[in-house]
PDB file of all heavy atoms in Angstrom:
ATOM      1  N   THR A   1     -11.313   4.617 -13.338  1.00  0.00           N
ATOM      2  CA  THR A   1     -12.659   5.177 -13.197  1.00  0.00           C
ATOM      3  C   THR A   1     -13.281   4.776 -11.854  1.00  0.00           C
ATOM      4  O   THR A   1     -12.834   3.826 -11.211  1.00  0.00           O
ATOM      5  CB  THR A   1     -13.574   4.681 -14.332  1.00  0.00           C
ATOM      6  OG1 THR A   1     -13.679   3.253 -14.250  1.00  0.00           O
ATOM      7  CG2 THR A   1     -13.025   5.088 -15.692  1.00  0.00           C
ATOM      8  N   LYS A   2     -14.335   5.480 -11.468  1.00  0.00           N
ATOM      9  CA  LYS A   2     -14.997   5.198 -10.190  1.00  0.00           C
ATOM     10  C   LYS A   2     -15.573   3.788 -10.141  1.00  0.00           C
ATOM     11  O   LYS A   2     -15.606   3.153  -9.083  1.00  0.00           O
ATOM     12  CB  LYS A   2     -16.118   6.217  -9.938  1.00  0.00           C
ATOM     13  CG  LYS A   2     -15.620   7.586  -9.514  1.00  0.00           C
ATOM     14  CD  LYS A   2     -16.781   8.497  -9.155  1.00  0.00           C
ATOM     15  CE  LYS A   2     -16.282   9.859  -8.674  1.00  0.00           C
ATOM     16  NZ  LYS A   2     -17.415  10.755  -8.333  1.00  0.00           N
ATOM     17  N   ASP A   3     -16.029   3.287 -11.297  1.00  0.00           N
ATOM     18  CA  ASP A   3     -16.645   1.956 -11.324  1.00  0.00           C
ATOM     19  C   ASP A   3     -15.677   0.872 -11.811  1.00  0.00           C
ATOM     20  O   ASP A   3     -16.101  -0.201 -12.226  1.00  0.00           O
ATOM     21  CB  ASP A   3     -17.904   1.957 -12.195  1.00  0.00           C
ATOM     22  CG  ASP A   3     -17.607   2.252 -13.672  1.00  0.00           C
ATOM     23  OD1 ASP A   3     -16.464   2.651 -13.992  1.00  0.00           O
ATOM     24  OD2 ASP A   3     -18.528   2.080 -14.500  1.00  0.00           O
ATOM     25  N   SER A   4     -14.387   1.142 -11.731  1.00  0.00           N
ATOM     26  CA  SER A   4     -13.393   0.195 -12.236  1.00  0.00           C
ATOM     27  C   SER A   4     -13.333  -1.074 -11.386  1.00  0.00           C
ATOM     28  O   SER A   4     -13.778  -1.092 -10.241  1.00  0.00           O
ATOM     29  CB  SER A   4     -12.008   0.835 -12.276  1.00  0.00           C
ATOM     30  OG  SER A   4     -11.546   1.087 -10.948  1.00  0.00           O
ATOM     31  N   ILE A   5     -12.786  -2.122 -11.983  1.00  0.00           N
ATOM     32  CA  ILE A   5     -12.591  -3.392 -11.280  1.00  0.00           C
ATOM     33  C   ILE A   5     -11.143  -3.851 -11.430  1.00  0.00           C
ATOM     34  O   ILE A   5     -10.462  -3.502 -12.393  1.00  0.00           O
ATOM     35  CB  ILE A   5     -13.553  -4.488 -11.795  1.00  0.00           C
ATOM     36  CG1 ILE A   5     -13.411  -4.687 -13.310  1.00  0.00           C
ATOM     37  CG2 ILE A   5     -14.979  -4.170 -11.407  1.00  0.00           C
ATOM     38  CD1 ILE A   5     -14.262  -5.825 -13.880  1.00  0.00           C
ATOM     39  N   PHE A   6     -10.712  -4.652 -10.467  1.00  0.00           N
ATOM     40  CA  PHE A   6      -9.394  -5.286 -10.538  1.00  0.00           C
ATOM     41  C   PHE A   6      -9.570  -6.764 -10.842  1.00  0.00           C
ATOM     42  O   PHE A   6     -10.381  -7.445 -10.210  1.00  0.00           O
ATOM     43  CB  PHE A   6      -8.629  -5.127  -9.217  1.00  0.00           C
ATOM     44  CG  PHE A   6      -7.392  -5.978  -9.174  1.00  0.00           C
ATOM     45  CD1 PHE A   6      -6.262  -5.629  -9.901  1.00  0.00           C
ATOM     46  CD2 PHE A   6      -7.371  -7.180  -8.463  1.00  0.00           C
ATOM     47  CE1 PHE A   6      -5.137  -6.442  -9.910  1.00  0.00           C
ATOM     48  CE2 PHE A   6      -6.250  -7.995  -8.455  1.00  0.00           C
ATOM     49  CZ  PHE A   6      -5.129  -7.618  -9.178  1.00  0.00           C
ATOM     50  N   MET A   7      -8.778  -7.260 -11.807  1.00  0.00           N
ATOM     51  CA  MET A   7      -8.872  -8.655 -12.214  1.00  0.00           C
ATOM     52  C   MET A   7      -7.506  -9.338 -12.144  1.00  0.00           C
ATOM     53  O   MET A   7      -6.468  -8.713 -12.353  1.00  0.00           O
ATOM     54  CB  MET A   7      -9.440  -8.758 -13.643  1.00  0.00           C
ATOM     55  CG  MET A   7     -10.766  -8.052 -13.825  1.00  0.00           C
ATOM     56  SD  MET A   7     -11.494  -8.253 -15.488  1.00  0.00           S
ATOM     57  CE  MET A   7     -12.202  -9.900 -15.335  1.00  0.00           C
ATOM     58  N   HIS A   8      -7.541 -10.634 -11.850  1.00  0.00           N
ATOM     59  CA  HIS A   8      -6.317 -11.441 -11.749  1.00  0.00           C
ATOM     60  C   HIS A   8      -6.733 -12.889 -11.986  1.00  0.00           C
ATOM     61  O   HIS A   8      -7.731 -13.359 -11.424  1.00  0.00           O
ATOM     62  CB  HIS A   8      -5.709 -11.276 -10.359  1.00  0.00           C
ATOM     63  CG  HIS A   8      -4.307 -11.781 -10.199  1.00  0.00           C
ATOM     64  ND1 HIS A   8      -3.910 -13.060 -10.551  1.00  0.00           N
ATOM     65  CD2 HIS A   8      -3.193 -11.167  -9.708  1.00  0.00           C
ATOM     66  CE1 HIS A   8      -2.625 -13.213 -10.287  1.00  0.00           C
ATOM     67  NE2 HIS A   8      -2.163 -12.074  -9.775  1.00  0.00           N
ATOM     68  N   CYS A   9      -5.968 -13.608 -12.795  1.00  0.00           N
ATOM     69  CA  CYS A   9      -6.348 -14.982 -13.117  1.00  0.00           C
ATOM     70  C   CYS A   9      -6.033 -15.969 -11.987  1.00  0.00           C
ATOM     71  O   CYS A   9      -6.550 -17.089 -11.998  1.00  0.00           O
ATOM     72  CB  CYS A   9      -5.682 -15.435 -14.412  1.00  0.00           C
ATOM     73  SG  CYS A   9      -3.892 -15.277 -14.401  1.00  0.00           S
ATOM     74  N   LEU A  10      -5.208 -15.552 -11.027  1.00  0.00           N
ATOM     75  CA  LEU A  10      -4.809 -16.376  -9.883  1.00  0.00           C
ATOM     76  C   LEU A  10      -3.970 -17.594 -10.322  1.00  0.00           C
ATOM     77  O   LEU A  10      -4.120 -18.045 -11.458  1.00  0.00           O
ATOM     78  CB  LEU A  10      -6.040 -16.828  -9.081  1.00  0.00           C
ATOM     79  CG  LEU A  10      -6.938 -15.725  -8.534  1.00  0.00           C
ATOM     80  CD1 LEU A  10      -8.151 -16.330  -7.793  1.00  0.00           C
ATOM     81  CD2 LEU A  10      -6.187 -14.785  -7.603  1.00  0.00           C
ATOM     82  N   PRO A  11      -3.081 -18.096  -9.490  1.00  0.00           N
ATOM     83  CA  PRO A  11      -2.809 -17.667  -8.112  1.00  0.00           C
ATOM     84  C   PRO A  11      -2.112 -16.307  -8.075  1.00  0.00           C
ATOM     85  O   PRO A  11      -1.456 -15.919  -9.042  1.00  0.00           O
ATOM     86  CB  PRO A  11      -1.887 -18.770  -7.583  1.00  0.00           C
ATOM     87  CG  PRO A  11      -1.162 -19.255  -8.796  1.00  0.00           C
ATOM     88  CD  PRO A  11      -2.173 -19.194  -9.913  1.00  0.00           C
ATOM     89  N   ALA A  12      -2.255 -15.603  -6.953  1.00  0.00           N
ATOM     90  CA  ALA A  12      -1.682 -14.272  -6.785  1.00  0.00           C
ATOM     91  C   ALA A  12      -0.606 -14.282  -5.718  1.00  0.00           C
ATOM     92  O   ALA A  12      -0.666 -15.074  -4.774  1.00  0.00           O
ATOM     93  CB  ALA A  12      -2.775 -13.284  -6.410  1.00  0.00           C
ATOM     94  N   HIS A  13       0.353 -13.383  -5.879  1.00  0.00           N
ATOM     95  CA  HIS A  13       1.398 -13.197  -4.879  1.00  0.00           C
ATOM     96  C   HIS A  13       1.279 -11.780  -4.334  1.00  0.00           C
ATOM     97  O   HIS A  13       1.790 -10.822  -4.939  1.00  0.00           O
ATOM     98  CB  HIS A  13       2.780 -13.441  -5.491  1.00  0.00           C
ATOM     99  CG  HIS A  13       3.001 -14.865  -5.907  1.00  0.00           C
ATOM    100  ND1 HIS A  13       3.947 -15.234  -6.835  1.00  0.00           N
ATOM    101  CD2 HIS A  13       2.380 -16.014  -5.525  1.00  0.00           C
ATOM    102  CE1 HIS A  13       3.910 -16.551  -7.014  1.00  0.00           C
ATOM    103  NE2 HIS A  13       2.962 -17.038  -6.225  1.00  0.00           N
ATOM    104  N   ARG A  14       0.587 -11.649  -3.238  1.00  0.00           N
ATOM    105  CA  ARG A  14       0.386 -10.336  -2.629  1.00  0.00           C
ATOM    106  C   ARG A  14       1.737  -9.734  -2.240  1.00  0.00           C
ATOM    107  O   ARG A  14       2.588 -10.414  -1.684  1.00  0.00           O
ATOM    108  CB  ARG A  14      -0.521 -10.457  -1.399  1.00  0.00           C
ATOM    109  CG  ARG A  14      -1.972 -10.792  -1.754  1.00  0.00           C
ATOM    110  CD  ARG A  14      -2.720 -11.304  -0.536  1.00  0.00           C
ATOM    111  NE  ARG A  14      -4.153 -11.520  -0.818  1.00  0.00           N
ATOM    112  CZ  ARG A  14      -4.623 -12.609  -1.434  1.00  0.00           C
ATOM    113  NH1 ARG A  14      -3.796 -13.573  -1.827  1.00  0.00           N
ATOM    114  NH2 ARG A  14      -5.924 -12.723  -1.659  1.00  0.00           N
ATOM    115  N   GLY A  15       1.887  -8.453  -2.553  1.00  0.00           N
ATOM    116  CA  GLY A  15       3.152  -7.781  -2.274  1.00  0.00           C
ATOM    117  C   GLY A  15       4.123  -7.836  -3.429  1.00  0.00           C
ATOM    118  O   GLY A  15       5.184  -7.201  -3.372  1.00  0.00           O
ATOM    119  N   GLU A  16       3.781  -8.596  -4.480  1.00  0.00           N
ATOM    120  CA  GLU A  16       4.604  -8.616  -5.691  1.00  0.00           C
ATOM    121  C   GLU A  16       3.854  -7.904  -6.814  1.00  0.00           C
ATOM    122  O   GLU A  16       3.943  -6.693  -6.932  1.00  0.00           O
ATOM    123  CB  GLU A  16       4.980 -10.054  -6.069  1.00  0.00           C
ATOM    124  CG  GLU A  16       5.929 -10.686  -5.072  1.00  0.00           C
ATOM    125  CD  GLU A  16       6.322 -12.115  -5.425  1.00  0.00           C
ATOM    126  OE1 GLU A  16       5.985 -12.585  -6.538  1.00  0.00           O
ATOM    127  OE2 GLU A  16       6.981 -12.761  -4.594  1.00  0.00           O
ATOM    128  N   GLU A  17       3.063  -8.652  -7.602  1.00  0.00           N
ATOM    129  CA  GLU A  17       2.368  -8.016  -8.726  1.00  0.00           C
ATOM    130  C   GLU A  17       1.157  -7.203  -8.287  1.00  0.00           C
ATOM    131  O   GLU A  17       0.679  -6.339  -9.024  1.00  0.00           O
ATOM    132  CB  GLU A  17       1.954  -9.054  -9.781  1.00  0.00           C
ATOM    133  CG  GLU A  17       0.747  -9.894  -9.428  1.00  0.00           C
ATOM    134  CD  GLU A  17       1.070 -11.115  -8.588  1.00  0.00           C
ATOM    135  OE1 GLU A  17       2.257 -11.267  -8.196  1.00  0.00           O
ATOM    136  OE2 GLU A  17       0.156 -11.915  -8.329  1.00  0.00           O
ATOM    137  N   VAL A  18       0.652  -7.478  -7.073  1.00  0.00           N
ATOM    138  CA  VAL A  18      -0.519  -6.747  -6.591  1.00  0.00           C
ATOM    139  C   VAL A  18      -0.441  -6.559  -5.086  1.00  0.00           C
ATOM    140  O   VAL A  18       0.017  -7.437  -4.354  1.00  0.00           O
ATOM    141  CB  VAL A  18      -1.827  -7.492  -6.974  1.00  0.00           C
ATOM    142  CG1 VAL A  18      -1.872  -8.883  -6.343  1.00  0.00           C
ATOM    143  CG2 VAL A  18      -3.057  -6.688  -6.587  1.00  0.00           C
ATOM    144  N   ALA A  19      -0.899  -5.410  -4.627  1.00  0.00           N
ATOM    145  CA  ALA A  19      -0.975  -5.147  -3.190  1.00  0.00           C
ATOM    146  C   ALA A  19      -2.168  -5.890  -2.598  1.00  0.00           C
ATOM    147  O   ALA A  19      -3.211  -6.026  -3.241  1.00  0.00           O
ATOM    148  CB  ALA A  19      -1.114  -3.650  -2.935  1.00  0.00           C
ATOM    149  N   ALA A  20      -2.013  -6.346  -1.367  1.00  0.00           N
ATOM    150  CA  ALA A  20      -3.107  -7.044  -0.693  1.00  0.00           C
ATOM    151  C   ALA A  20      -4.348  -6.158  -0.598  1.00  0.00           C
ATOM    152  O   ALA A  20      -5.485  -6.640  -0.729  1.00  0.00           O
ATOM    153  CB  ALA A  20      -2.669  -7.479   0.699  1.00  0.00           C
ATOM    154  N   SER A  21      -4.141  -4.871  -0.410  1.00  0.00           N
ATOM    155  CA  SER A  21      -5.268  -3.942  -0.272  1.00  0.00           C
ATOM    156  C   SER A  21      -6.086  -3.857  -1.559  1.00  0.00           C
ATOM    157  O   SER A  21      -7.275  -3.514  -1.521  1.00  0.00           O
ATOM    158  CB  SER A  21      -4.764  -2.546   0.104  1.00  0.00           C
ATOM    159  OG  SER A  21      -3.822  -2.085  -0.854  1.00  0.00           O
ATOM    160  N   VAL A  22      -5.473  -4.170  -2.697  1.00  0.00           N
ATOM    161  CA  VAL A  22      -6.186  -4.138  -3.976  1.00  0.00           C
ATOM    162  C   VAL A  22      -6.911  -5.453  -4.224  1.00  0.00           C
ATOM    163  O   VAL A  22      -8.123  -5.482  -4.462  1.00  0.00           O
ATOM    164  CB  VAL A  22      -5.219  -3.833  -5.142  1.00  0.00           C
ATOM    165  CG1 VAL A  22      -5.940  -3.988  -6.488  1.00  0.00           C
ATOM    166  CG2 VAL A  22      -4.651  -2.430  -5.007  1.00  0.00           C
ATOM    167  N   ILE A  23      -6.194  -6.560  -4.142  1.00  0.00           N
ATOM    168  CA  ILE A  23      -6.824  -7.849  -4.467  1.00  0.00           C
ATOM    169  C   ILE A  23      -7.886  -8.239  -3.444  1.00  0.00           C
ATOM    170  O   ILE A  23      -8.855  -8.941  -3.776  1.00  0.00           O
ATOM    171  CB  ILE A  23      -5.769  -8.964  -4.632  1.00  0.00           C
ATOM    172  CG1 ILE A  23      -6.399 -10.203  -5.284  1.00  0.00           C
ATOM    173  CG2 ILE A  23      -5.101  -9.314  -3.310  1.00  0.00           C
ATOM    174  CD1 ILE A  23      -5.410 -11.261  -5.703  1.00  0.00           C
ATOM    175  N   ASP A  24      -7.727  -7.777  -2.215  1.00  0.00           N
ATOM    176  CA  ASP A  24      -8.716  -8.074  -1.185  1.00  0.00           C
ATOM    177  C   ASP A  24      -9.675  -6.907  -0.949  1.00  0.00           C
ATOM    178  O   ASP A  24     -10.458  -6.925   0.000  1.00  0.00           O
ATOM    179  CB  ASP A  24      -8.009  -8.434   0.134  1.00  0.00           C
ATOM    180  CG  ASP A  24      -7.135  -9.672  -0.007  1.00  0.00           C
ATOM    181  OD1 ASP A  24      -7.586 -10.627  -0.673  1.00  0.00           O
ATOM    182  OD2 ASP A  24      -6.007  -9.677   0.518  1.00  0.00           O
ATOM    183  N   GLY A  25      -9.599  -5.913  -1.839  1.00  0.00           N
ATOM    184  CA  GLY A  25     -10.413  -4.714  -1.677  1.00  0.00           C
ATOM    185  C   GLY A  25     -11.737  -4.778  -2.412  1.00  0.00           C
ATOM    186  O   GLY A  25     -12.084  -5.770  -3.069  1.00  0.00           O
ATOM    187  N   ALA A  26     -12.470  -3.676  -2.358  1.00  0.00           N
ATOM    188  CA  ALA A  26     -13.842  -3.622  -2.875  1.00  0.00           C
ATOM    189  C   ALA A  26     -13.916  -3.728  -4.396  1.00  0.00           C
ATOM    190  O   ALA A  26     -14.941  -4.157  -4.941  1.00  0.00           O
ATOM    191  CB  ALA A  26     -14.501  -2.325  -2.415  1.00  0.00           C
ATOM    192  N   LYS A  27     -12.870  -3.346  -5.106  1.00  0.00           N
ATOM    193  CA  LYS A  27     -12.895  -3.382  -6.567  1.00  0.00           C
ATOM    194  C   LYS A  27     -12.502  -4.736  -7.145  1.00  0.00           C
ATOM    195  O   LYS A  27     -12.638  -4.968  -8.350  1.00  0.00           O
ATOM    196  CB  LYS A  27     -11.964  -2.293  -7.137  1.00  0.00           C
ATOM    197  CG  LYS A  27     -12.495  -0.879  -6.978  1.00  0.00           C
ATOM    198  CD  LYS A  27     -11.538   0.143  -7.570  1.00  0.00           C
ATOM    199  CE  LYS A  27     -12.105   1.547  -7.512  1.00  0.00           C
ATOM    200  NZ  LYS A  27     -13.186   1.762  -8.499  1.00  0.00           N
ATOM    201  N   SER A  28     -12.024  -5.619  -6.310  1.00  0.00           N
ATOM    202  CA  SER A  28     -11.535  -6.917  -6.788  1.00  0.00           C
ATOM    203  C   SER A  28     -12.679  -7.855  -7.156  1.00  0.00           C
ATOM    204  O   SER A  28     -13.643  -8.004  -6.403  1.00  0.00           O
ATOM    205  CB  SER A  28     -10.673  -7.575  -5.713  1.00  0.00           C
ATOM    206  OG  SER A  28     -10.243  -8.855  -6.132  1.00  0.00           O
ATOM    207  N   VAL A  29     -12.559  -8.490  -8.332  1.00  0.00           N
ATOM    208  CA  VAL A  29     -13.569  -9.462  -8.783  1.00  0.00           C
ATOM    209  C   VAL A  29     -12.925 -10.827  -9.041  1.00  0.00           C
ATOM    210  O   VAL A  29     -13.434 -11.635  -9.810  1.00  0.00           O
ATOM    211  CB  VAL A  29     -14.295  -8.965 -10.059  1.00  0.00           C
ATOM    212  CG1 VAL A  29     -15.112  -7.720  -9.766  1.00  0.00           C
ATOM    213  CG2 VAL A  29     -13.300  -8.713 -11.200  1.00  0.00           C
ATOM    214  N   VAL A  30     -11.796 -11.095  -8.397  1.00  0.00           N
ATOM    215  CA  VAL A  30     -11.022 -12.294  -8.716  1.00  0.00           C
ATOM    216  C   VAL A  30     -11.773 -13.589  -8.403  1.00  0.00           C
ATOM    217  O   VAL A  30     -11.611 -14.595  -9.096  1.00  0.00           O
ATOM    218  CB  VAL A  30      -9.649 -12.288  -8.010  1.00  0.00           C
ATOM    219  CG1 VAL A  30      -8.823 -11.082  -8.458  1.00  0.00           C
ATOM    220  CG2 VAL A  30      -9.788 -12.299  -6.494  1.00  0.00           C
ATOM    221  N   TRP A  31     -12.631 -13.563  -7.372  1.00  0.00           N
ATOM    222  CA  TRP A  31     -13.348 -14.799  -7.021  1.00  0.00           C
ATOM    223  C   TRP A  31     -14.457 -15.079  -8.025  1.00  0.00           C
ATOM    224  O   TRP A  31     -14.766 -16.229  -8.315  1.00  0.00           O
ATOM    225  CB  TRP A  31     -13.894 -14.700  -5.592  1.00  0.00           C
ATOM    226  CG  TRP A  31     -12.855 -14.208  -4.631  1.00  0.00           C
ATOM    227  CD1 TRP A  31     -12.905 -13.083  -3.861  1.00  0.00           C
ATOM    228  CD2 TRP A  31     -11.576 -14.809  -4.388  1.00  0.00           C
ATOM    229  NE1 TRP A  31     -11.739 -12.942  -3.154  1.00  0.00           N
ATOM    230  CE2 TRP A  31     -10.901 -13.992  -3.458  1.00  0.00           C
ATOM    231  CE3 TRP A  31     -10.927 -15.953  -4.865  1.00  0.00           C
ATOM    232  CZ2 TRP A  31      -9.625 -14.268  -2.998  1.00  0.00           C
ATOM    233  CZ3 TRP A  31      -9.649 -16.234  -4.401  1.00  0.00           C
ATOM    234  CH2 TRP A  31      -9.013 -15.401  -3.488  1.00  0.00           C
ATOM    235  N   ARG A  32     -15.037 -14.026  -8.569  1.00  0.00           N
ATOM    236  CA  ARG A  32     -16.052 -14.214  -9.601  1.00  0.00           C
ATOM    237  C   ARG A  32     -15.408 -14.748 -10.889  1.00  0.00           C
ATOM    238  O   ARG A  32     -16.004 -15.563 -11.592  1.00  0.00           O
ATOM    239  CB  ARG A  32     -16.772 -12.895  -9.873  1.00  0.00           C
ATOM    240  CG  ARG A  32     -18.040 -13.033 -10.713  1.00  0.00           C
ATOM    241  CD  ARG A  32     -19.092 -13.867 -10.011  1.00  0.00           C
ATOM    242  NE  ARG A  32     -20.328 -13.935 -10.809  1.00  0.00           N
ATOM    243  CZ  ARG A  32     -21.344 -14.727 -10.509  1.00  0.00           C
ATOM    244  NH1 ARG A  32     -21.297 -15.493  -9.427  1.00  0.00           N
ATOM    245  NH2 ARG A  32     -22.432 -14.742 -11.258  1.00  0.00           N
ATOM    246  N   GLU A  33     -14.208 -14.277 -11.190  1.00  0.00           N
ATOM    247  CA  GLU A  33     -13.477 -14.832 -12.339  1.00  0.00           C
ATOM    248  C   GLU A  33     -13.264 -16.339 -12.156  1.00  0.00           C
ATOM    249  O   GLU A  33     -13.470 -17.121 -13.085  1.00  0.00           O
ATOM    250  CB  GLU A  33     -12.112 -14.167 -12.471  1.00  0.00           C
ATOM    251  CG  GLU A  33     -12.105 -12.737 -12.920  1.00  0.00           C
ATOM    252  CD  GLU A  33     -10.693 -12.181 -12.873  1.00  0.00           C
ATOM    253  OE1 GLU A  33      -9.920 -12.419 -13.819  1.00  0.00           O
ATOM    254  OE2 GLU A  33     -10.342 -11.526 -11.877  1.00  0.00           O
ATOM    255  N   ALA A  34     -12.838 -16.713 -10.959  1.00  0.00           N
ATOM    256  CA  ALA A  34     -12.599 -18.133 -10.679  1.00  0.00           C
ATOM    257  C   ALA A  34     -13.884 -18.938 -10.822  1.00  0.00           C
ATOM    258  O   ALA A  34     -13.884 -20.043 -11.377  1.00  0.00           O
ATOM    259  CB  ALA A  34     -12.011 -18.294  -9.281  1.00  0.00           C
ATOM    260  N   PHE A  35     -14.997 -18.396 -10.333  1.00  0.00           N
ATOM    261  CA  PHE A  35     -16.291 -19.059 -10.462  1.00  0.00           C
ATOM    262  C   PHE A  35     -16.632 -19.332 -11.926  1.00  0.00           C
ATOM    263  O   PHE A  35     -17.100 -20.415 -12.286  1.00  0.00           O
ATOM    264  CB  PHE A  35     -17.378 -18.195  -9.827  1.00  0.00           C
ATOM    265  CG  PHE A  35     -18.784 -18.631 -10.161  1.00  0.00           C
ATOM    266  CD1 PHE A  35     -19.374 -19.695  -9.497  1.00  0.00           C
ATOM    267  CD2 PHE A  35     -19.519 -17.974 -11.147  1.00  0.00           C
ATOM    268  CE1 PHE A  35     -20.671 -20.105  -9.811  1.00  0.00           C
ATOM    269  CE2 PHE A  35     -20.808 -18.382 -11.462  1.00  0.00           C
ATOM    270  CZ  PHE A  35     -21.389 -19.453 -10.793  1.00  0.00           C
ATOM    271  N   HIS A  36     -16.368 -18.357 -12.781  1.00  0.00           N
ATOM    272  CA  HIS A  36     -16.754 -18.491 -14.185  1.00  0.00           C
ATOM    273  C   HIS A  36     -15.794 -19.362 -15.005  1.00  0.00           C
ATOM    274  O   HIS A  36     -16.083 -19.628 -16.177  1.00  0.00           O
ATOM    275  CB  HIS A  36     -16.928 -17.124 -14.832  1.00  0.00           C
ATOM    276  CG  HIS A  36     -18.261 -16.510 -14.557  1.00  0.00           C
ATOM    277  ND1 HIS A  36     -19.447 -17.158 -14.855  1.00  0.00           N
ATOM    278  CD2 HIS A  36     -18.611 -15.313 -13.991  1.00  0.00           C
ATOM    279  CE1 HIS A  36     -20.464 -16.386 -14.501  1.00  0.00           C
ATOM    280  NE2 HIS A  36     -19.989 -15.275 -13.970  1.00  0.00           N
ATOM    281  N   ARG A  37     -14.718 -19.838 -14.401  1.00  0.00           N
ATOM    282  CA  ARG A  37     -13.925 -20.849 -15.099  1.00  0.00           C
ATOM    283  C   ARG A  37     -14.792 -22.083 -15.371  1.00  0.00           C
ATOM    284  O   ARG A  37     -14.717 -22.698 -16.436  1.00  0.00           O
ATOM    285  CB  ARG A  37     -12.688 -21.250 -14.274  1.00  0.00           C
ATOM    286  CG  ARG A  37     -11.633 -20.167 -14.075  1.00  0.00           C
ATOM    287  CD  ARG A  37     -11.119 -19.590 -15.385  1.00  0.00           C
ATOM    288  NE  ARG A  37     -10.673 -20.624 -16.311  1.00  0.00           N
ATOM    289  CZ  ARG A  37      -9.506 -21.303 -16.225  1.00  0.00           C
ATOM    290  NH1 ARG A  37      -8.673 -21.043 -15.241  1.00  0.00           N
ATOM    291  NH2 ARG A  37      -9.197 -22.215 -17.124  1.00  0.00           N
ATOM    292  N   ARG A  38     -15.644 -22.441 -14.384  1.00  0.00           N
ATOM    293  CA  ARG A  38     -16.518 -23.606 -14.575  1.00  0.00           C
ATOM    294  C   ARG A  38     -17.606 -23.332 -15.595  1.00  0.00           C
ATOM    295  O   ARG A  38     -17.834 -24.123 -16.504  1.00  0.00           O
ATOM    296  CB  ARG A  38     -17.144 -24.017 -13.229  1.00  0.00           C
ATOM    297  CG  ARG A  38     -17.941 -25.335 -13.297  1.00  0.00           C
ATOM    298  CD  ARG A  38     -19.418 -25.120 -13.604  1.00  0.00           C
ATOM    299  NE  ARG A  38     -20.093 -24.336 -12.577  1.00  0.00           N
ATOM    300  CZ  ARG A  38     -21.323 -23.884 -12.711  1.00  0.00           C
ATOM    301  NH1 ARG A  38     -22.026 -24.101 -13.804  1.00  0.00           N
ATOM    302  NH2 ARG A  38     -21.871 -23.155 -11.756  1.00  0.00           N
ATOM    303  N   THR A  39     -18.286 -22.205 -15.463  1.00  0.00           N
ATOM    304  CA  THR A  39     -19.422 -21.948 -16.363  1.00  0.00           C
ATOM    305  C   THR A  39     -18.980 -21.850 -17.812  1.00  0.00           C
ATOM    306  O   THR A  39     -19.687 -22.319 -18.717  1.00  0.00           O
ATOM    307  CB  THR A  39     -20.173 -20.661 -15.967  1.00  0.00           C
ATOM    308  OG1 THR A  39     -19.353 -19.516 -16.222  1.00  0.00           O
ATOM    309  CG2 THR A  39     -20.593 -20.685 -14.509  1.00  0.00           C
ATOM    310  N   THR A  40     -17.811 -21.252 -18.066  1.00  0.00           N
ATOM    311  CA  THR A  40     -17.355 -21.076 -19.449  1.00  0.00           C
ATOM    312  C   THR A  40     -16.799 -22.366 -20.035  1.00  0.00           C
ATOM    313  O   THR A  40     -16.998 -22.648 -21.218  1.00  0.00           O
ATOM    314  CB  THR A  40     -16.319 -19.940 -19.543  1.00  0.00           C
ATOM    315  OG1 THR A  40     -15.338 -20.073 -18.503  1.00  0.00           O
ATOM    316  CG2 THR A  40     -16.983 -18.581 -19.411  1.00  0.00           C
ATOM    317  N   ILE A  41     -16.115 -23.169 -19.235  1.00  0.00           N
ATOM    318  CA  ILE A  41     -15.648 -24.467 -19.731  1.00  0.00           C
ATOM    319  C   ILE A  41     -16.839 -25.380 -19.990  1.00  0.00           C
ATOM    320  O   ILE A  41     -16.872 -26.124 -20.981  1.00  0.00           O
ATOM    321  CB  ILE A  41     -14.639 -25.102 -18.745  1.00  0.00           C
ATOM    322  CG1 ILE A  41     -13.314 -24.333 -18.786  1.00  0.00           C
ATOM    323  CG2 ILE A  41     -14.400 -26.581 -19.084  1.00  0.00           C
ATOM    324  CD1 ILE A  41     -12.298 -24.779 -17.759  1.00  0.00           C
ATOM    325  N   GLN A  42     -17.844 -25.296 -19.135  1.00  0.00           N
ATOM    326  CA  GLN A  42     -19.064 -26.066 -19.346  1.00  0.00           C
ATOM    327  C   GLN A  42     -19.735 -25.649 -20.660  1.00  0.00           C
ATOM    328  O   GLN A  42     -20.170 -26.499 -21.460  1.00  0.00           O
ATOM    329  CB  GLN A  42     -20.019 -25.856 -18.171  1.00  0.00           C
ATOM    330  CG  GLN A  42     -21.225 -26.792 -18.175  1.00  0.00           C
ATOM    331  CD  GLN A  42     -22.058 -26.667 -16.910  1.00  0.00           C
ATOM    332  OE1 GLN A  42     -21.630 -26.055 -15.929  1.00  0.00           O
ATOM    333  NE2 GLN A  42     -23.240 -27.251 -16.911  1.00  0.00           N
ATOM    334  N   ALA A  43     -19.805 -24.339 -20.902  1.00  0.00           N
ATOM    335  CA  ALA A  43     -20.392 -23.834 -22.145  1.00  0.00           C
ATOM    336  C   ALA A  43     -19.579 -24.280 -23.354  1.00  0.00           C
ATOM    337  O   ALA A  43     -20.142 -24.694 -24.386  1.00  0.00           O
ATOM    338  CB  ALA A  43     -20.481 -22.315 -22.097  1.00  0.00           C
ATOM    339  N   LEU A  44     -18.266 -24.212 -23.244  1.00  0.00           N
ATOM    340  CA  LEU A  44     -17.388 -24.643 -24.341  1.00  0.00           C
ATOM    341  C   LEU A  44     -17.598 -26.109 -24.680  1.00  0.00           C
ATOM    342  O   LEU A  44     -17.733 -26.482 -25.857  1.00  0.00           O
ATOM    343  CB  LEU A  44     -15.927 -24.434 -23.938  1.00  0.00           C
ATOM    344  CG  LEU A  44     -15.184 -23.206 -24.450  1.00  0.00           C
ATOM    345  CD1 LEU A  44     -13.768 -23.225 -23.918  1.00  0.00           C
ATOM    346  CD2 LEU A  44     -15.197 -23.142 -25.969  1.00  0.00           C
ATOM    347  N   LEU A  45     -17.607 -26.951 -23.657  1.00  0.00           N
ATOM    348  CA  LEU A  45     -17.812 -28.379 -23.881  1.00  0.00           C
ATOM    349  C   LEU A  45     -19.155 -28.639 -24.553  1.00  0.00           C
ATOM    350  O   LEU A  45     -19.255 -29.403 -25.514  1.00  0.00           O
ATOM    351  CB  LEU A  45     -17.738 -29.141 -22.556  1.00  0.00           C
ATOM    352  CG  LEU A  45     -16.357 -29.416 -21.985  1.00  0.00           C
ATOM    353  CD1 LEU A  45     -16.464 -29.903 -20.553  1.00  0.00           C
ATOM    354  CD2 LEU A  45     -15.620 -30.455 -22.838  1.00  0.00           C
TER     355      LEU A  45
END
């Protein structure tokens, strides 16, 4: 879809499971996922 996002739990291997143009592109939210590892573990605790 036009408003779609790309997600990856990281670490990533560009050129294998994902193209660099995708993970580093406008639809990628991988850094926000990484940010929320802290907020969700904090909430869980």
